[in-house]
Amino acid sequence: MPKVKVPRKSTAIDMTAMCDVAFLLLTFFILTTKFRPSELAQIDIPSSKSEIPIPDKGILKFEIAPDGRIFVGVDDQPTRLALLEKLSKQYNLTLNGNQQDAFRLTDNWGMDIKQLPAFLDLDANGRAHFAHPGIKVDTTGGEQQLEDIILFARQSYDLSPDRKDGNDRLRIAIKGDKSTQYKAFDKLIQALQNRKVNKFNIITSARTAKE
């Protein structure tokens, strides 16, 4: 007697819930991802055995290029705008709303502070390809631009509405190329000490076993 074959039926799987979860995860990663800020110069940092991590926020970072140019960047936008306001008052800069928005979106910059209005007048493509000459570090004319940036950035962060921890302070980090001459570091360290800043971080890479 022949066997009775039971007809096979395809199983329907409802993928609606899976799609919802996938889009929720995608949205979460898009909203929480912090993009790496742009760099104005190629910097090959030295290696070190230190494993002390730098905080994710509240950072005033100085970058020193191999040729000694110094660039600066603040990681949060409210502090950037507050810093710009203080610099505008100190150096008599007149900036419109578009220029302020451009500075708010600028991760790093390095130039004579008096050149900021002309730089911020450029469109996004022009700012991206602008050749930054570095922050003015000489003291001609009685200006202490590097020291003013340090002072005003710390004051701006202290007044930032995003700060919730009253004991928190702006952390300062220095990222320098391993081939940069010491005199470039010395100028920055001297400016920090003149503003009573004796504690800062040096950004390095992890040293391998061969090193």
C-alpha atoms as a PDB file:
ATOM      1  CA  MET A   1       0.000   0.000   0.000  1.00  0.00           C
ATOM      2  CA  PRO A   2       1.542   3.321  -1.032  1.00  0.00           C
ATOM      3  CA  LYS A   3       2.473   5.820   1.666  1.00  0.00           C
ATOM      4  CA  VAL A   4       0.326   8.877   2.019  1.00  0.00           C
ATOM      5  CA  LYS A   5       2.395  11.992   1.472  1.00  0.00           C
ATOM      6  CA  VAL A   6       1.443  14.911   3.636  1.00  0.00           C
ATOM      7  CA  PRO A   7       1.549  18.087   1.574  1.00  0.00           C
ATOM      8  CA  ARG A   8       4.166  20.528   2.771  1.00  0.00           C
ATOM      9  CA  LYS A   9       3.070  23.983   3.747  1.00  0.00           C
ATOM     10  CA  SER A  10       5.400  26.969   3.827  1.00  0.00           C
ATOM     11  CA  THR A  11       5.731  28.682   7.171  1.00  0.00           C
ATOM     12  CA  ALA A  12       5.035  32.377   7.067  1.00  0.00           C
ATOM     13  CA  ILE A  13       7.330  34.439   9.303  1.00  0.00           C
ATOM     14  CA  ASP A  14       6.281  37.945  10.197  1.00  0.00           C
ATOM     15  CA  MET A  15       9.423  40.104   9.841  1.00  0.00           C
ATOM     16  CA  THR A  16       7.737  43.343  10.879  1.00  0.00           C
ATOM     17  CA  ALA A  17       9.097  43.226  14.420  1.00  0.00           C
ATOM     18  CA  MET A  18      12.603  42.418  13.161  1.00  0.00           C
ATOM     19  CA  CYS A  19      12.551  45.399  10.794  1.00  0.00           C
ATOM     20  CA  ASP A  20      11.381  47.680  13.588  1.00  0.00           C
ATOM     21  CA  VAL A  21      14.244  46.556  15.809  1.00  0.00           C
ATOM     22  CA  ALA A  22      16.773  47.011  12.999  1.00  0.00           C
ATOM     23  CA  PHE A  23      15.631  50.584  12.288  1.00  0.00           C
ATOM     24  CA  LEU A  24      15.609  51.424  15.990  1.00  0.00           C
ATOM     25  CA  LEU A  25      19.208  50.228  16.329  1.00  0.00           C
ATOM     26  CA  LEU A  26      20.224  52.125  13.202  1.00  0.00           C
ATOM     27  CA  THR A  27      18.609  55.318  14.498  1.00  0.00           C
ATOM     28  CA  PHE A  28      20.306  54.888  17.873  1.00  0.00           C
ATOM     29  CA  PHE A  29      23.781  54.536  16.357  1.00  0.00           C
ATOM     30  CA  ILE A  30      23.237  57.503  14.018  1.00  0.00           C
ATOM     31  CA  LEU A  31      22.146  59.784  16.852  1.00  0.00           C
ATOM     32  CA  THR A  32      24.841  58.711  19.312  1.00  0.00           C
ATOM     33  CA  THR A  33      27.831  58.462  16.980  1.00  0.00           C
ATOM     34  CA  LYS A  34      30.497  61.106  17.600  1.00  0.00           C
ATOM     35  CA  PHE A  35      32.472  61.766  14.450  1.00  0.00           C
ATOM     36  CA  ARG A  36      36.203  62.283  14.632  1.00  0.00           C
ATOM     37  CA  PRO A  37      37.011  66.000  14.310  1.00  0.00           C
ATOM     38  CA  SER A  38      38.968  67.118  11.287  1.00  0.00           C
ATOM     39  CA  GLU A  39      42.698  67.753  11.595  1.00  0.00           C
ATOM     40  CA  LEU A  40      44.413  70.750  10.020  1.00  0.00           C
ATOM     41  CA  ALA A  41      47.795  69.010   9.745  1.00  0.00           C
ATOM     42  CA  GLN A  42      49.041  65.453   9.582  1.00  0.00           C
ATOM     43  CA  ILE A  43      50.375  64.745  13.068  1.00  0.00           C
ATOM     44  CA  ASP A  44      52.312  61.595  13.935  1.00  0.00           C
ATOM     45  CA  ILE A  45      51.999  61.388  17.709  1.00  0.00           C
ATOM     46  CA  PRO A  46      54.715  59.730  19.817  1.00  0.00           C
ATOM     47  CA  SER A  47      54.144  56.422  21.563  1.00  0.00           C
ATOM     48  CA  SER A  48      53.902  55.942  25.303  1.00  0.00           C
ATOM     49  CA  LYS A  49      53.160  53.298  27.924  1.00  0.00           C
ATOM     50  CA  SER A  50      50.574  55.522  29.565  1.00  0.00           C
ATOM     51  CA  GLU A  51      47.023  54.184  29.430  1.00  0.00           C
ATOM     52  CA  ILE A  52      45.191  57.114  31.036  1.00  0.00           C
ATOM     53  CA  PRO A  53      42.175  57.867  28.812  1.00  0.00           C
ATOM     54  CA  ILE A  54      41.194  61.410  27.888  1.00  0.00           C
ATOM     55  CA  PRO A  55      37.553  62.326  28.693  1.00  0.00           C
ATOM     56  CA  ASP A  56      35.008  62.324  25.885  1.00  0.00           C
ATOM     57  CA  LYS A  57      33.927  65.917  26.522  1.00  0.00           C
ATOM     58  CA  GLY A  58      35.089  69.124  28.128  1.00  0.00           C
ATOM     59  CA  ILE A  59      38.354  69.238  26.162  1.00  0.00           C
ATOM     60  CA  LEU A  60      40.373  72.209  24.937  1.00  0.00           C
ATOM     61  CA  LYS A  61      42.788  70.593  22.490  1.00  0.00           C
ATOM     62  CA  PHE A  62      45.915  72.126  21.047  1.00  0.00           C
ATOM     63  CA  GLU A  63      47.537  70.549  17.993  1.00  0.00           C
ATOM     64  CA  ILE A  64      51.157  71.298  17.094  1.00  0.00           C
ATOM     65  CA  ALA A  65      52.156  70.563  13.511  1.00  0.00           C
ATOM     66  CA  PRO A  66      55.657  69.359  12.542  1.00  0.00           C
ATOM     67  CA  ASP A  67      56.514  72.899  11.388  1.00  0.00           C
ATOM     68  CA  GLY A  68      55.496  74.375  14.762  1.00  0.00           C
ATOM     69  CA  ARG A  69      52.092  75.804  13.826  1.00  0.00           C
ATOM     70  CA  ILE A  70      49.598  75.672  16.695  1.00  0.00           C
ATOM     71  CA  PHE A  71      45.887  74.986  16.219  1.00  0.00           C
ATOM     72  CA  VAL A  72      43.127  74.955  18.797  1.00  0.00           C
ATOM     73  CA  GLY A  73      39.704  73.373  19.114  1.00  0.00           C
ATOM     74  CA  VAL A  74      36.938  73.091  21.718  1.00  0.00           C
ATOM     75  CA  ASP A  75      34.774  69.990  21.589  1.00  0.00           C
ATOM     76  CA  ASP A  76      31.341  71.458  22.438  1.00  0.00           C
ATOM     77  CA  GLN A  77      29.471  74.124  20.496  1.00  0.00           C
ATOM     78  CA  PRO A  78      28.086  76.265  23.379  1.00  0.00           C
ATOM     79  CA  THR A  79      31.615  76.793  24.679  1.00  0.00           C
ATOM     80  CA  ARG A  80      32.793  77.709  21.184  1.00  0.00           C
ATOM     81  CA  LEU A  81      30.178  80.441  20.884  1.00  0.00           C
ATOM     82  CA  ALA A  82      30.928  81.788  24.352  1.00  0.00           C
ATOM     83  CA  LEU A  83      34.641  81.799  23.504  1.00  0.00           C
ATOM     84  CA  LEU A  84      33.954  83.653  20.253  1.00  0.00           C
ATOM     85  CA  GLU A  85      31.930  86.284  22.113  1.00  0.00           C
ATOM     86  CA  LYS A  86      34.780  86.942  24.550  1.00  0.00           C
ATOM     87  CA  LEU A  87      37.356  87.092  21.753  1.00  0.00           C
ATOM     88  CA  SER A  88      35.128  89.496  19.811  1.00  0.00           C
ATOM     89  CA  LYS A  89      34.977  91.877  22.751  1.00  0.00           C
ATOM     90  CA  GLN A  90      38.690  91.640  23.456  1.00  0.00           C
ATOM     91  CA  TYR A  91      39.769  92.211  19.830  1.00  0.00           C
ATOM     92  CA  ASN A  92      36.883  94.432  18.667  1.00  0.00           C
ATOM     93  CA  LEU A  93      35.524  91.952  16.130  1.00  0.00           C
ATOM     94  CA  THR A  94      32.121  92.500  14.532  1.00  0.00           C
ATOM     95  CA  LEU A  95      30.531  89.183  13.577  1.00  0.00           C
ATOM     96  CA  ASN A  96      27.101  88.485  12.128  1.00  0.00           C
ATOM     97  CA  GLY A  97      24.895  85.468  12.732  1.00  0.00           C
ATOM     98  CA  ASN A  98      26.244  83.520   9.751  1.00  0.00           C
ATOM     99  CA  GLN A  99      29.813  83.995  10.946  1.00  0.00           C
ATOM    100  CA  GLN A 100      28.880  82.856  14.440  1.00  0.00           C
ATOM    101  CA  ASP A 101      27.195  79.742  13.047  1.00  0.00           C
ATOM    102  CA  ALA A 102      30.307  79.005  10.972  1.00  0.00           C
ATOM    103  CA  PHE A 103      32.515  79.235  14.062  1.00  0.00           C
ATOM    104  CA  ARG A 104      30.114  77.031  16.021  1.00  0.00           C
ATOM    105  CA  LEU A 105      30.691  74.277  13.433  1.00  0.00           C
ATOM    106  CA  THR A 106      34.470  74.720  13.264  1.00  0.00           C
ATOM    107  CA  ASP A 107      36.293  71.904  15.050  1.00  0.00           C
ATOM    108  CA  ASN A 108      39.814  73.336  14.837  1.00  0.00           C
ATOM    109  CA  TRP A 109      41.354  76.595  13.720  1.00  0.00           C
ATOM    110  CA  GLY A 110      44.668  78.387  13.861  1.00  0.00           C
ATOM    111  CA  MET A 111      45.263  81.994  12.805  1.00  0.00           C
ATOM    112  CA  ASP A 112      45.598  85.526  14.049  1.00  0.00           C
ATOM    113  CA  ILE A 113      42.343  86.208  15.905  1.00  0.00           C
ATOM    114  CA  LYS A 114      41.837  89.381  13.856  1.00  0.00           C
ATOM    115  CA  GLN A 115      41.631  87.216  10.714  1.00  0.00           C
ATOM    116  CA  LEU A 116      38.640  85.251  12.023  1.00  0.00           C
ATOM    117  CA  PRO A 117      35.945  87.418  10.345  1.00  0.00           C
ATOM    118  CA  ALA A 118      37.505  86.921   6.883  1.00  0.00           C
ATOM    119  CA  PHE A 119      37.860  83.174   7.498  1.00  0.00           C
ATOM    120  CA  LEU A 120      34.266  82.826   8.719  1.00  0.00           C
ATOM    121  CA  ASP A 121      32.991  84.711   5.654  1.00  0.00           C
ATOM    122  CA  LEU A 122      34.128  81.818   3.457  1.00  0.00           C
ATOM    123  CA  ASP A 123      31.677  79.110   2.494  1.00  0.00           C
ATOM    124  CA  ALA A 124      32.028  75.589   3.879  1.00  0.00           C
ATOM    125  CA  ASN A 125      34.262  74.464   1.014  1.00  0.00           C
ATOM    126  CA  GLY A 126      36.484  77.523   1.370  1.00  0.00           C
ATOM    127  CA  ARG A 127      36.897  76.978   5.115  1.00  0.00           C
ATOM    128  CA  ALA A 128      37.678  73.296   4.557  1.00  0.00           C
ATOM    129  CA  HIS A 129      40.550  74.151   2.189  1.00  0.00           C
ATOM    130  CA  PHE A 130      41.811  77.209   4.073  1.00  0.00           C
ATOM    131  CA  ALA A 131      45.546  77.122   4.859  1.00  0.00           C
ATOM    132  CA  HIS A 132      45.689  77.951   8.558  1.00  0.00           C
ATOM    133  CA  PRO A 133      48.932  79.773   9.400  1.00  0.00           C
ATOM    134  CA  GLY A 134      48.706  78.888  13.090  1.00  0.00           C
ATOM    135  CA  ILE A 135      47.731  80.873  16.165  1.00  0.00           C
ATOM    136  CA  LYS A 136      49.724  84.030  16.715  1.00  0.00           C
ATOM    137  CA  VAL A 137      52.082  83.340  19.603  1.00  0.00           C
ATOM    138  CA  ASP A 138      54.386  86.388  19.572  1.00  0.00           C
ATOM    139  CA  THR A 139      53.715  89.266  21.940  1.00  0.00           C
ATOM    140  CA  THR A 140      54.137  92.205  19.571  1.00  0.00           C
ATOM    141  CA  GLY A 141      51.731  95.041  20.281  1.00  0.00           C
ATOM    142  CA  GLY A 142      51.020  93.746  23.762  1.00  0.00           C
ATOM    143  CA  GLU A 143      48.733  90.967  22.502  1.00  0.00           C
ATOM    144  CA  GLN A 144      48.729  87.590  24.215  1.00  0.00           C
ATOM    145  CA  GLN A 145      46.439  85.729  21.828  1.00  0.00           C
ATOM    146  CA  LEU A 146      47.369  82.219  22.914  1.00  0.00           C
ATOM    147  CA  GLU A 147      46.943  83.115  26.582  1.00  0.00           C
ATOM    148  CA  ASP A 148      43.619  84.848  25.878  1.00  0.00           C
ATOM    149  CA  ILE A 149      42.274  81.746  24.141  1.00  0.00           C
ATOM    150  CA  ILE A 150      43.243  79.604  27.141  1.00  0.00           C
ATOM    151  CA  LEU A 151      41.669  82.023  29.640  1.00  0.00           C
ATOM    152  CA  PHE A 152      38.461  82.689  27.690  1.00  0.00           C
ATOM    153  CA  ALA A 153      37.933  79.009  26.806  1.00  0.00           C
ATOM    154  CA  ARG A 154      38.113  78.025  30.484  1.00  0.00           C
ATOM    155  CA  GLN A 155      35.770  80.843  31.477  1.00  0.00           C
ATOM    156  CA  SER A 156      33.354  79.938  28.673  1.00  0.00           C
ATOM    157  CA  TYR A 157      33.225  76.295  29.724  1.00  0.00           C
ATOM    158  CA  ASP A 158      32.571  77.238  33.348  1.00  0.00           C
ATOM    159  CA  LEU A 159      29.518  79.230  32.214  1.00  0.00           C
ATOM    160  CA  SER A 160      28.270  76.652  29.709  1.00  0.00           C
ATOM    161  CA  PRO A 161      24.614  75.619  30.320  1.00  0.00           C
ATOM    162  CA  ASP A 162      25.493  72.006  29.438  1.00  0.00           C
ATOM    163  CA  ARG A 163      27.701  71.617  32.477  1.00  0.00           C
ATOM    164  CA  LYS A 164      25.973  69.723  35.280  1.00  0.00           C
ATOM    165  CA  ASP A 165      28.904  68.916  37.524  1.00  0.00           C
ATOM    166  CA  GLY A 166      29.975  72.013  39.408  1.00  0.00           C
ATOM    167  CA  ASN A 167      33.355  70.455  40.172  1.00  0.00           C
ATOM    168  CA  ASP A 168      34.074  69.799  36.510  1.00  0.00           C
ATOM    169  CA  ARG A 169      36.675  71.924  34.738  1.00  0.00           C
ATOM    170  CA  LEU A 170      37.820  72.216  31.158  1.00  0.00           C
ATOM    171  CA  ARG A 171      40.556  69.664  30.467  1.00  0.00           C
ATOM    172  CA  ILE A 172      43.467  70.702  28.278  1.00  0.00           C
ATOM    173  CA  ALA A 173      45.116  68.250  25.892  1.00  0.00           C
ATOM    174  CA  ILE A 174      48.151  68.725  23.647  1.00  0.00           C
ATOM    175  CA  LYS A 175      48.616  66.693  20.485  1.00  0.00           C
ATOM    176  CA  GLY A 176      52.019  67.220  18.947  1.00  0.00           C
ATOM    177  CA  ASP A 177      54.010  65.555  16.208  1.00  0.00           C
ATOM    178  CA  LYS A 178      56.995  63.561  17.425  1.00  0.00           C
ATOM    179  CA  SER A 179      59.248  65.475  15.021  1.00  0.00           C
ATOM    180  CA  THR A 180      58.165  68.936  16.231  1.00  0.00           C
ATOM    181  CA  GLN A 181      60.926  70.993  17.786  1.00  0.00           C
ATOM    182  CA  TYR A 182      60.654  71.560  21.517  1.00  0.00           C
ATOM    183  CA  LYS A 183      60.507  75.353  21.203  1.00  0.00           C
ATOM    184  CA  ALA A 184      56.982  75.077  19.768  1.00  0.00           C
ATOM    185  CA  PHE A 185      55.912  73.078  22.824  1.00  0.00           C
ATOM    186  CA  ASP A 186      57.734  75.503  25.090  1.00  0.00           C
ATOM    187  CA  LYS A 187      55.722  78.485  23.803  1.00  0.00           C
ATOM    188  CA  LEU A 188      52.446  76.682  24.469  1.00  0.00           C
ATOM    189  CA  ILE A 189      53.502  75.405  27.892  1.00  0.00           C
ATOM    190  CA  GLN A 190      54.702  78.898  28.846  1.00  0.00           C
ATOM    191  CA  ALA A 191      51.321  80.350  27.834  1.00  0.00           C
ATOM    192  CA  LEU A 192      49.543  77.705  29.936  1.00  0.00           C
ATOM    193  CA  GLN A 193      51.693  78.453  32.960  1.00  0.00           C
ATOM    194  CA  ASN A 194      51.106  82.185  32.564  1.00  0.00           C
ATOM    195  CA  ARG A 195      47.398  81.409  32.933  1.00  0.00           C
ATOM    196  CA  LYS A 196      48.016  79.250  36.012  1.00  0.00           C
ATOM    197  CA  VAL A 197      47.495  75.991  34.140  1.00  0.00           C
ATOM    198  CA  ASN A 198      50.040  73.430  35.275  1.00  0.00           C
ATOM    199  CA  LYS A 199      48.057  70.265  34.586  1.00  0.00           C
ATOM    200  CA  PHE A 200      47.352  69.047  31.063  1.00  0.00           C
ATOM    201  CA  ASN A 201      47.330  65.851  29.010  1.00  0.00           C
ATOM    202  CA  ILE A 202      49.739  64.838  26.236  1.00  0.00           C
ATOM    203  CA  ILE A 203      48.050  62.718  23.570  1.00  0.00           C
ATOM    204  CA  THR A 204      50.119  59.656  22.643  1.00  0.00           C
ATOM    205  CA  SER A 205      49.611  56.283  21.040  1.00  0.00           C
ATOM    206  CA  ALA A 206      50.022  52.956  22.796  1.00  0.00           C
ATOM    207  CA  ARG A 207      53.569  51.635  22.692  1.00  0.00           C
ATOM    208  CA  THR A 208      53.912  48.157  21.186  1.00  0.00           C
ATOM    209  CA  ALA A 209      56.009  45.340  22.609  1.00  0.00           C
ATOM    210  CA  LYS A 210      58.722  45.880  19.937  1.00  0.00           C
ATOM    211  CA  GLU A 211      59.098  49.509  20.993  1.00  0.00           C
END
